[in-house]
Amino acid sequence: MFRDIPSWVFSYGVVLENMDDRPFAMACLEKAFCDRLYKEKPLQSVRALQQCLFENLRIDSGDFINLDRNLLMEIAPLYTKRNLQLLQKVVGK
């Protein structure tokens, strides 16, 4: 839910769409991904993050590889949470 995400990162990675003359905000995949990791319990290591991503959340490794790494590296630090710091380590490789 939106209330779970810090207000200072809400607008990053969000685009305005329009369907049937009704505007709505939609998060890009990378933003949604960061939002989801933000809501996960704190993880302690890159290995724990990888387990969370690929086993617990069942993220497809091919889909993960296709994420925009530059956008992830731009958005992730804004959350100031360990899970997103670990993501930066994984993405930065």
PDB file of N, CA and C in Angstrom:
ATOM      1  N   MET A   1       0.830  -1.168   0.000  1.00  0.00           N
ATOM      2  CA  MET A   1       0.000   0.000   0.000  1.00  0.00           C
ATOM      3  C   MET A   1       0.880   1.239   0.000  1.00  0.00           C
ATOM      4  N   PHE A   2       0.340   2.321  -0.496  1.00  0.00           N
ATOM      5  CA  PHE A   2       1.085   3.564  -0.595  1.00  0.00           C
ATOM      6  C   PHE A   2       1.543   4.082   0.760  1.00  0.00           C
ATOM      7  N   ARG A   3       0.767   3.878   1.791  1.00  0.00           N
ATOM      8  CA  ARG A   3       1.136   4.428   3.091  1.00  0.00           C
ATOM      9  C   ARG A   3       2.373   3.744   3.670  1.00  0.00           C
ATOM     10  N   ASP A   4       2.747   2.599   3.147  1.00  0.00           N
ATOM     11  CA  ASP A   4       3.927   1.889   3.630  1.00  0.00           C
ATOM     12  C   ASP A   4       5.221   2.429   3.041  1.00  0.00           C
ATOM     13  N   ILE A   5       5.123   3.230   2.004  1.00  0.00           N
ATOM     14  CA  ILE A   5       6.289   3.738   1.294  1.00  0.00           C
ATOM     15  C   ILE A   5       6.578   5.163   1.771  1.00  0.00           C
ATOM     16  N   PRO A   6       7.842   5.481   2.041  1.00  0.00           N
ATOM     17  CA  PRO A   6       8.154   6.840   2.502  1.00  0.00           C
ATOM     18  C   PRO A   6       7.682   7.895   1.498  1.00  0.00           C
ATOM     19  N   SER A   7       7.142   8.977   2.009  1.00  0.00           N
ATOM     20  CA  SER A   7       6.596  10.016   1.133  1.00  0.00           C
ATOM     21  C   SER A   7       7.660  10.637   0.238  1.00  0.00           C
ATOM     22  N   TRP A   8       8.902  10.689   0.713  1.00  0.00           N
ATOM     23  CA  TRP A   8       9.953  11.334  -0.078  1.00  0.00           C
ATOM     24  C   TRP A   8      10.360  10.529  -1.311  1.00  0.00           C
ATOM     25  N   VAL A   9       9.984   9.267  -1.409  1.00  0.00           N
ATOM     26  CA  VAL A   9      10.314   8.485  -2.612  1.00  0.00           C
ATOM     27  C   VAL A   9       9.089   8.182  -3.474  1.00  0.00           C
ATOM     28  N   PHE A  10       7.938   8.620  -3.015  1.00  0.00           N
ATOM     29  CA  PHE A  10       6.703   8.251  -3.709  1.00  0.00           C
ATOM     30  C   PHE A  10       6.703   8.633  -5.185  1.00  0.00           C
ATOM     31  N   SER A  11       7.170   9.812  -5.524  1.00  0.00           N
ATOM     32  CA  SER A  11       7.051  10.279  -6.905  1.00  0.00           C
ATOM     33  C   SER A  11       8.140   9.753  -7.839  1.00  0.00           C
ATOM     34  N   TYR A  12       9.216   9.204  -7.318  1.00  0.00           N
ATOM     35  CA  TYR A  12      10.287   8.689  -8.171  1.00  0.00           C
ATOM     36  C   TYR A  12       9.831   7.418  -8.887  1.00  0.00           C
ATOM     37  N   GLY A  13      10.069   7.373 -10.185  1.00  0.00           N
ATOM     38  CA  GLY A  13       9.720   6.189 -10.956  1.00  0.00           C
ATOM     39  C   GLY A  13       8.234   6.013 -11.204  1.00  0.00           C
ATOM     40  N   VAL A  14       7.477   7.079 -11.034  1.00  0.00           N
ATOM     41  CA  VAL A  14       6.029   7.034 -11.255  1.00  0.00           C
ATOM     42  C   VAL A  14       5.697   7.899 -12.462  1.00  0.00           C
ATOM     43  N   VAL A  15       4.879   7.347 -13.347  1.00  0.00           N
ATOM     44  CA  VAL A  15       4.439   8.095 -14.521  1.00  0.00           C
ATOM     45  C   VAL A  15       2.921   8.201 -14.494  1.00  0.00           C
ATOM     46  N   LEU A  16       2.422   9.267 -15.059  1.00  0.00           N
ATOM     47  CA  LEU A  16       0.977   9.442 -15.153  1.00  0.00           C
ATOM     48  C   LEU A  16       0.479   8.805 -16.430  1.00  0.00           C
ATOM     49  N   GLU A  17      -0.516   7.975 -16.306  1.00  0.00           N
ATOM     50  CA  GLU A  17      -1.142   7.286 -17.441  1.00  0.00           C
ATOM     51  C   GLU A  17      -2.582   7.760 -17.540  1.00  0.00           C
ATOM     52  N   ASN A  18      -3.214   7.415 -18.640  1.00  0.00           N
ATOM     53  CA  ASN A  18      -4.598   7.806 -18.850  1.00  0.00           C
ATOM     54  C   ASN A  18      -5.316   6.659 -19.549  1.00  0.00           C
ATOM     55  N   MET A  19      -6.419   6.218 -18.981  1.00  0.00           N
ATOM     56  CA  MET A  19      -7.213   5.161 -19.592  1.00  0.00           C
ATOM     57  C   MET A  19      -8.677   5.574 -19.509  1.00  0.00           C
ATOM     58  N   ASP A  20      -9.335   5.582 -20.641  1.00  0.00           N
ATOM     59  CA  ASP A  20     -10.742   5.979 -20.692  1.00  0.00           C
ATOM     60  C   ASP A  20     -10.956   7.348 -20.043  1.00  0.00           C
ATOM     61  N   ASP A  21     -10.048   8.278 -20.363  1.00  0.00           N
ATOM     62  CA  ASP A  21     -10.108   9.651 -19.834  1.00  0.00           C
ATOM     63  C   ASP A  21     -10.024   9.720 -18.316  1.00  0.00           C
ATOM     64  N   ARG A  22      -9.409   8.717 -17.719  1.00  0.00           N
ATOM     65  CA  ARG A  22      -9.201   8.711 -16.274  1.00  0.00           C
ATOM     66  C   ARG A  22      -7.700   8.615 -16.003  1.00  0.00           C
ATOM     67  N   PRO A  23      -7.136   9.679 -15.458  1.00  0.00           N
ATOM     68  CA  PRO A  23      -5.694   9.647 -15.162  1.00  0.00           C
ATOM     69  C   PRO A  23      -5.395   8.812 -13.915  1.00  0.00           C
ATOM     70  N   PHE A  24      -4.246   8.171 -13.938  1.00  0.00           N
ATOM     71  CA  PHE A  24      -3.789   7.418 -12.776  1.00  0.00           C
ATOM     72  C   PHE A  24      -2.268   7.369 -12.783  1.00  0.00           C
ATOM     73  N   ALA A  25      -1.704   7.166 -11.617  1.00  0.00           N
ATOM     74  CA  ALA A  25      -0.252   7.052 -11.477  1.00  0.00           C
ATOM     75  C   ALA A  25       0.136   5.578 -11.523  1.00  0.00           C
ATOM     76  N   MET A  26       1.216   5.298 -12.256  1.00  0.00           N
ATOM     77  CA  MET A  26       1.699   3.918 -12.345  1.00  0.00           C
ATOM     78  C   MET A  26       3.202   3.904 -12.096  1.00  0.00           C
ATOM     79  N   ALA A  27       3.599   3.026 -11.210  1.00  0.00           N
ATOM     80  CA  ALA A  27       5.024   2.871 -10.921  1.00  0.00           C
ATOM     81  C   ALA A  27       5.677   2.040 -12.015  1.00  0.00           C
ATOM     82  N   CYS A  28       6.898   2.435 -12.386  1.00  0.00           N
ATOM     83  CA  CYS A  28       7.665   1.594 -13.303  1.00  0.00           C
ATOM     84  C   CYS A  28       8.068   0.331 -12.546  1.00  0.00           C
ATOM     85  N   LEU A  29       8.497  -0.657 -13.262  1.00  0.00           N
ATOM     86  CA  LEU A  29       8.845  -1.943 -12.652  1.00  0.00           C
ATOM     87  C   LEU A  29       9.933  -1.792 -11.593  1.00  0.00           C
ATOM     88  N   GLU A  30      10.929  -0.966 -11.867  1.00  0.00           N
ATOM     89  CA  GLU A  30      12.030  -0.778 -10.926  1.00  0.00           C
ATOM     90  C   GLU A  30      11.546  -0.126  -9.630  1.00  0.00           C
ATOM     91  N   LYS A  31      10.652   0.832  -9.732  1.00  0.00           N
ATOM     92  CA  LYS A  31      10.081   1.487  -8.548  1.00  0.00           C
ATOM     93  C   LYS A  31       9.270   0.488  -7.726  1.00  0.00           C
ATOM     94  N   ALA A  32       8.430  -0.288  -8.401  1.00  0.00           N
ATOM     95  CA  ALA A  32       7.622  -1.292  -7.710  1.00  0.00           C
ATOM     96  C   ALA A  32       8.523  -2.310  -7.004  1.00  0.00           C
ATOM     97  N   PHE A  33       9.600  -2.661  -7.657  1.00  0.00           N
ATOM     98  CA  PHE A  33      10.564  -3.602  -7.096  1.00  0.00           C
ATOM     99  C   PHE A  33      11.179  -3.033  -5.804  1.00  0.00           C
ATOM    100  N   CYS A  34      11.610  -1.777  -5.843  1.00  0.00           N
ATOM    101  CA  CYS A  34      12.184  -1.134  -4.659  1.00  0.00           C
ATOM    102  C   CYS A  34      11.143  -0.993  -3.551  1.00  0.00           C
ATOM    103  N   ASP A  35       9.930  -0.636  -3.920  1.00  0.00           N
ATOM    104  CA  ASP A  35       8.858  -0.538  -2.923  1.00  0.00           C
ATOM    105  C   ASP A  35       8.664  -1.869  -2.211  1.00  0.00           C
ATOM    106  N   ARG A  36       8.689  -2.940  -2.977  1.00  0.00           N
ATOM    107  CA  ARG A  36       8.481  -4.279  -2.403  1.00  0.00           C
ATOM    108  C   ARG A  36       9.610  -4.652  -1.453  1.00  0.00           C
ATOM    109  N   LEU A  37      10.832  -4.375  -1.851  1.00  0.00           N
ATOM    110  CA  LEU A  37      11.973  -4.676  -0.979  1.00  0.00           C
ATOM    111  C   LEU A  37      11.957  -3.818   0.281  1.00  0.00           C
ATOM    112  N   TYR A  38      11.472  -2.611   0.167  1.00  0.00           N
ATOM    113  CA  TYR A  38      11.371  -1.730   1.328  1.00  0.00           C
ATOM    114  C   TYR A  38      10.463  -2.337   2.391  1.00  0.00           C
ATOM    115  N   LYS A  39       9.408  -2.991   1.948  1.00  0.00           N
ATOM    116  CA  LYS A  39       8.428  -3.547   2.883  1.00  0.00           C
ATOM    117  C   LYS A  39       8.838  -4.902   3.468  1.00  0.00           C
ATOM    118  N   GLU A  40       9.877  -5.515   2.918  1.00  0.00           N
ATOM    119  CA  GLU A  40      10.362  -6.794   3.453  1.00  0.00           C
ATOM    120  C   GLU A  40      11.073  -6.572   4.785  1.00  0.00           C
ATOM    121  N   LYS A  41      11.102  -7.607   5.606  1.00  0.00           N
ATOM    122  CA  LYS A  41      11.839  -7.521   6.868  1.00  0.00           C
ATOM    123  C   LYS A  41      13.312  -7.262   6.554  1.00  0.00           C
ATOM    124  N   PRO A  42      14.033  -6.614   7.472  1.00  0.00           N
ATOM    125  CA  PRO A  42      15.439  -6.293   7.213  1.00  0.00           C
ATOM    126  C   PRO A  42      16.277  -7.541   6.949  1.00  0.00           C
ATOM    127  N   LEU A  43      17.054  -7.474   5.908  1.00  0.00           N
ATOM    128  CA  LEU A  43      17.943  -8.575   5.532  1.00  0.00           C
ATOM    129  C   LEU A  43      19.362  -8.217   5.935  1.00  0.00           C
ATOM    130  N   GLN A  44      20.174  -9.240   6.186  1.00  0.00           N
ATOM    131  CA  GLN A  44      21.508  -8.998   6.756  1.00  0.00           C
ATOM    132  C   GLN A  44      22.664  -9.171   5.791  1.00  0.00           C
ATOM    133  N   SER A  45      22.409  -9.755   4.622  1.00  0.00           N
ATOM    134  CA  SER A  45      23.521 -10.010   3.710  1.00  0.00           C
ATOM    135  C   SER A  45      23.023 -10.067   2.273  1.00  0.00           C
ATOM    136  N   VAL A  46      23.966  -9.978   1.351  1.00  0.00           N
ATOM    137  CA  VAL A  46      23.636 -10.110  -0.070  1.00  0.00           C
ATOM    138  C   VAL A  46      23.028 -11.487  -0.322  1.00  0.00           C
ATOM    139  N   ARG A  47      23.591 -12.488   0.312  1.00  0.00           N
ATOM    140  CA  ARG A  47      23.045 -13.846   0.149  1.00  0.00           C
ATOM    141  C   ARG A  47      21.585 -13.922   0.611  1.00  0.00           C
ATOM    142  N   ALA A  48      21.289 -13.293   1.742  1.00  0.00           N
ATOM    143  CA  ALA A  48      19.908 -13.269   2.244  1.00  0.00           C
ATOM    144  C   ALA A  48      18.996 -12.514   1.281  1.00  0.00           C
ATOM    145  N   LEU A  49      19.502 -11.439   0.682  1.00  0.00           N
ATOM    146  CA  LEU A  49      18.725 -10.700  -0.305  1.00  0.00           C
ATOM    147  C   LEU A  49      18.438 -11.578  -1.515  1.00  0.00           C
ATOM    148  N   GLN A  50      19.441 -12.268  -1.999  1.00  0.00           N
ATOM    149  CA  GLN A  50      19.252 -13.148  -3.154  1.00  0.00           C
ATOM    150  C   GLN A  50      18.242 -14.245  -2.842  1.00  0.00           C
ATOM    151  N   GLN A  51      18.308 -14.813  -1.660  1.00  0.00           N
ATOM    152  CA  GLN A  51      17.335 -15.829  -1.267  1.00  0.00           C
ATOM    153  C   GLN A  51      15.938 -15.232  -1.234  1.00  0.00           C
ATOM    154  N   CYS A  52      15.822 -14.044  -0.670  1.00  0.00           N
ATOM    155  CA  CYS A  52      14.520 -13.370  -0.609  1.00  0.00           C
ATOM    156  C   CYS A  52      13.978 -13.143  -2.021  1.00  0.00           C
ATOM    157  N   LEU A  53      14.821 -12.629  -2.905  1.00  0.00           N
ATOM    158  CA  LEU A  53      14.379 -12.308  -4.265  1.00  0.00           C
ATOM    159  C   LEU A  53      13.967 -13.543  -5.052  1.00  0.00           C
ATOM    160  N   PHE A  54      14.854 -14.515  -5.106  1.00  0.00           N
ATOM    161  CA  PHE A  54      14.673 -15.619  -6.041  1.00  0.00           C
ATOM    162  C   PHE A  54      13.947 -16.830  -5.462  1.00  0.00           C
ATOM    163  N   GLU A  55      13.927 -16.964  -4.142  1.00  0.00           N
ATOM    164  CA  GLU A  55      13.214 -18.085  -3.539  1.00  0.00           C
ATOM    165  C   GLU A  55      11.905 -17.646  -2.886  1.00  0.00           C
ATOM    166  N   ASN A  56      11.989 -16.640  -2.022  1.00  0.00           N
ATOM    167  CA  ASN A  56      10.789 -16.213  -1.292  1.00  0.00           C
ATOM    168  C   ASN A  56       9.815 -15.449  -2.188  1.00  0.00           C
ATOM    169  N   LEU A  57      10.316 -14.428  -2.886  1.00  0.00           N
ATOM    170  CA  LEU A  57       9.453 -13.622  -3.747  1.00  0.00           C
ATOM    171  C   LEU A  57       9.292 -14.212  -5.145  1.00  0.00           C
ATOM    172  N   ARG A  58      10.117 -15.205  -5.452  1.00  0.00           N
ATOM    173  CA  ARG A  58      10.062 -15.912  -6.738  1.00  0.00           C
ATOM    174  C   ARG A  58      10.234 -14.992  -7.942  1.00  0.00           C
ATOM    175  N   ILE A  59      11.166 -14.055  -7.820  1.00  0.00           N
ATOM    176  CA  ILE A  59      11.519 -13.181  -8.933  1.00  0.00           C
ATOM    177  C   ILE A  59      12.296 -14.027  -9.940  1.00  0.00           C
ATOM    178  N   ASP A  60      11.906 -13.950 -11.182  1.00  0.00           N
ATOM    179  CA  ASP A  60      12.606 -14.670 -12.243  1.00  0.00           C
ATOM    180  C   ASP A  60      13.958 -14.001 -12.470  1.00  0.00           C
ATOM    181  N   SER A  61      15.034 -14.787 -12.491  1.00  0.00           N
ATOM    182  CA  SER A  61      16.372 -14.213 -12.657  1.00  0.00           C
ATOM    183  C   SER A  61      16.497 -13.470 -13.981  1.00  0.00           C
ATOM    184  N   GLY A  62      15.839 -13.936 -15.023  1.00  0.00           N
ATOM    185  CA  GLY A  62      15.855 -13.240 -16.310  1.00  0.00           C
ATOM    186  C   GLY A  62      15.181 -11.883 -16.220  1.00  0.00           C
ATOM    187  N   ASP A  63      14.074 -11.816 -15.498  1.00  0.00           N
ATOM    188  CA  ASP A  63      13.391 -10.535 -15.300  1.00  0.00           C
ATOM    189  C   ASP A  63      14.267  -9.589 -14.486  1.00  0.00           C
ATOM    190  N   PHE A  64      14.944 -10.123 -13.489  1.00  0.00           N
ATOM    191  CA  PHE A  64      15.823  -9.303 -12.659  1.00  0.00           C
ATOM    192  C   PHE A  64      16.954  -8.716 -13.498  1.00  0.00           C
ATOM    193  N   ILE A  65      17.545  -9.520 -14.338  1.00  0.00           N
ATOM    194  CA  ILE A  65      18.655  -9.065 -15.193  1.00  0.00           C
ATOM    195  C   ILE A  65      18.193  -7.958 -16.138  1.00  0.00           C
ATOM    196  N   ASN A  66      16.933  -8.017 -16.562  1.00  0.00           N
ATOM    197  CA  ASN A  66      16.414  -7.034 -17.516  1.00  0.00           C
ATOM    198  C   ASN A  66      15.960  -5.722 -16.889  1.00  0.00           C
ATOM    199  N   LEU A  67      16.012  -5.614 -15.557  1.00  0.00           N
ATOM    200  CA  LEU A  67      15.660  -4.350 -14.915  1.00  0.00           C
ATOM    201  C   LEU A  67      16.670  -3.271 -15.305  1.00  0.00           C
ATOM    202  N   ASP A  68      16.228  -2.039 -15.347  1.00  0.00           N
ATOM    203  CA  ASP A  68      17.100  -0.903 -15.657  1.00  0.00           C
ATOM    204  C   ASP A  68      18.001  -0.643 -14.446  1.00  0.00           C
ATOM    205  N   ARG A  69      19.239  -1.072 -14.539  1.00  0.00           N
ATOM    206  CA  ARG A  69      20.173  -0.969 -13.417  1.00  0.00           C
ATOM    207  C   ARG A  69      20.451   0.491 -13.033  1.00  0.00           C
ATOM    208  N   ASN A  70      20.538   1.368 -14.033  1.00  0.00           N
ATOM    209  CA  ASN A  70      20.782   2.781 -13.735  1.00  0.00           C
ATOM    210  C   ASN A  70      19.637   3.371 -12.926  1.00  0.00           C
ATOM    211  N   LEU A  71      18.424   3.042 -13.297  1.00  0.00           N
ATOM    212  CA  LEU A  71      17.266   3.542 -12.564  1.00  0.00           C
ATOM    213  C   LEU A  71      17.228   2.959 -11.153  1.00  0.00           C
ATOM    214  N   LEU A  72      17.538   1.681 -11.015  1.00  0.00           N
ATOM    215  CA  LEU A  72      17.599   1.071  -9.677  1.00  0.00           C
ATOM    216  C   LEU A  72      18.641   1.768  -8.807  1.00  0.00           C
ATOM    217  N   MET A  73      19.797   2.063  -9.379  1.00  0.00           N
ATOM    218  CA  MET A  73      20.864   2.715  -8.632  1.00  0.00           C
ATOM    219  C   MET A  73      20.495   4.160  -8.279  1.00  0.00           C
ATOM    220  N   GLU A  74      19.601   4.747  -9.031  1.00  0.00           N
ATOM    221  CA  GLU A  74      19.127   6.092  -8.732  1.00  0.00           C
ATOM    222  C   GLU A  74      18.059   6.083  -7.636  1.00  0.00           C
ATOM    223  N   ILE A  75      17.153   5.120  -7.702  1.00  0.00           N
ATOM    224  CA  ILE A  75      16.023   5.080  -6.781  1.00  0.00           C
ATOM    225  C   ILE A  75      16.374   4.433  -5.438  1.00  0.00           C
ATOM    226  N   ALA A  76      17.099   3.325  -5.449  1.00  0.00           N
ATOM    227  CA  ALA A  76      17.349   2.539  -4.233  1.00  0.00           C
ATOM    228  C   ALA A  76      17.923   3.344  -3.063  1.00  0.00           C
ATOM    229  N   PRO A  77      18.899   4.225  -3.280  1.00  0.00           N
ATOM    230  CA  PRO A  77      19.464   4.949  -2.134  1.00  0.00           C
ATOM    231  C   PRO A  77      18.471   5.890  -1.443  1.00  0.00           C
ATOM    232  N   LEU A  78      17.417   6.258  -2.125  1.00  0.00           N
ATOM    233  CA  LEU A  78      16.438   7.181  -1.568  1.00  0.00           C
ATOM    234  C   LEU A  78      15.648   6.566  -0.411  1.00  0.00           C
ATOM    235  N   TYR A  79      15.583   5.248  -0.351  1.00  0.00           N
ATOM    236  CA  TYR A  79      14.783   4.566   0.664  1.00  0.00           C
ATOM    237  C   TYR A  79      15.473   4.489   2.028  1.00  0.00           C
ATOM    238  N   THR A  80      16.763   4.620   2.064  1.00  0.00           N
ATOM    239  CA  THR A  80      17.564   4.562   3.301  1.00  0.00           C
ATOM    240  C   THR A  80      17.204   3.357   4.178  1.00  0.00           C
ATOM    241  N   LYS A  81      17.153   2.206   3.557  1.00  0.00           N
ATOM    242  CA  LYS A  81      16.902   0.959   4.294  1.00  0.00           C
ATOM    243  C   LYS A  81      17.928  -0.083   3.839  1.00  0.00           C
ATOM    244  N   ARG A  82      18.327  -0.921   4.751  1.00  0.00           N
ATOM    245  CA  ARG A  82      19.381  -1.916   4.480  1.00  0.00           C
ATOM    246  C   ARG A  82      19.066  -2.779   3.257  1.00  0.00           C
ATOM    247  N   ASN A  83      17.850  -3.202   3.090  1.00  0.00           N
ATOM    248  CA  ASN A  83      17.508  -4.056   1.948  1.00  0.00           C
ATOM    249  C   ASN A  83      17.866  -3.383   0.621  1.00  0.00           C
ATOM    250  N   LEU A  84      17.652  -2.083   0.550  1.00  0.00           N
ATOM    251  CA  LEU A  84      17.948  -1.364  -0.684  1.00  0.00           C
ATOM    252  C   LEU A  84      19.439  -1.092  -0.818  1.00  0.00           C
ATOM    253  N   GLN A  85      20.150  -0.997   0.298  1.00  0.00           N
ATOM    254  CA  GLN A  85      21.607  -0.886   0.247  1.00  0.00           C
ATOM    255  C   GLN A  85      22.204  -2.185  -0.295  1.00  0.00           C
ATOM    256  N   LEU A  86      21.647  -3.313   0.143  1.00  0.00           N
ATOM    257  CA  LEU A  86      22.109  -4.609  -0.367  1.00  0.00           C
ATOM    258  C   LEU A  86      21.795  -4.744  -1.853  1.00  0.00           C
ATOM    259  N   LEU A  87      20.643  -4.264  -2.266  1.00  0.00           N
ATOM    260  CA  LEU A  87      20.290  -4.290  -3.684  1.00  0.00           C
ATOM    261  C   LEU A  87      21.325  -3.519  -4.503  1.00  0.00           C
ATOM    262  N   GLN A  88      21.757  -2.390  -4.006  1.00  0.00           N
ATOM    263  CA  GLN A  88      22.770  -1.603  -4.723  1.00  0.00           C
ATOM    264  C   GLN A  88      24.047  -2.409  -4.909  1.00  0.00           C
ATOM    265  N   LYS A  89      24.417  -3.186  -3.913  1.00  0.00           N
ATOM    266  CA  LYS A  89      25.618  -4.025  -4.035  1.00  0.00           C
ATOM    267  C   LYS A  89      25.435  -5.070  -5.133  1.00  0.00           C
ATOM    268  N   VAL A  90      24.263  -5.677  -5.183  1.00  0.00           N
ATOM    269  CA  VAL A  90      23.990  -6.706  -6.186  1.00  0.00           C
ATOM    270  C   VAL A  90      23.939  -6.085  -7.582  1.00  0.00           C
ATOM    271  N   VAL A  91      23.263  -4.972  -7.718  1.00  0.00           N
ATOM    272  CA  VAL A  91      23.097  -4.319  -9.009  1.00  0.00           C
ATOM    273  C   VAL A  91      24.406  -3.719  -9.495  1.00  0.00           C
ATOM    274  N   GLY A  92      25.220  -3.228  -8.579  1.00  0.00           N
ATOM    275  CA  GLY A  92      26.471  -2.598  -8.937  1.00  0.00           C
ATOM    276  C   GLY A  92      27.539  -3.544  -9.459  1.00  0.00           C
ATOM    277  N   LYS A  93      27.316  -4.830  -9.328  1.00  0.00           N
ATOM    278  CA  LYS A  93      28.308  -5.828  -9.780  1.00  0.00           C
ATOM    279  C   LYS A  93      28.318  -5.938 -11.283  1.00  0.00           C
TER     280      LYS A  93
END
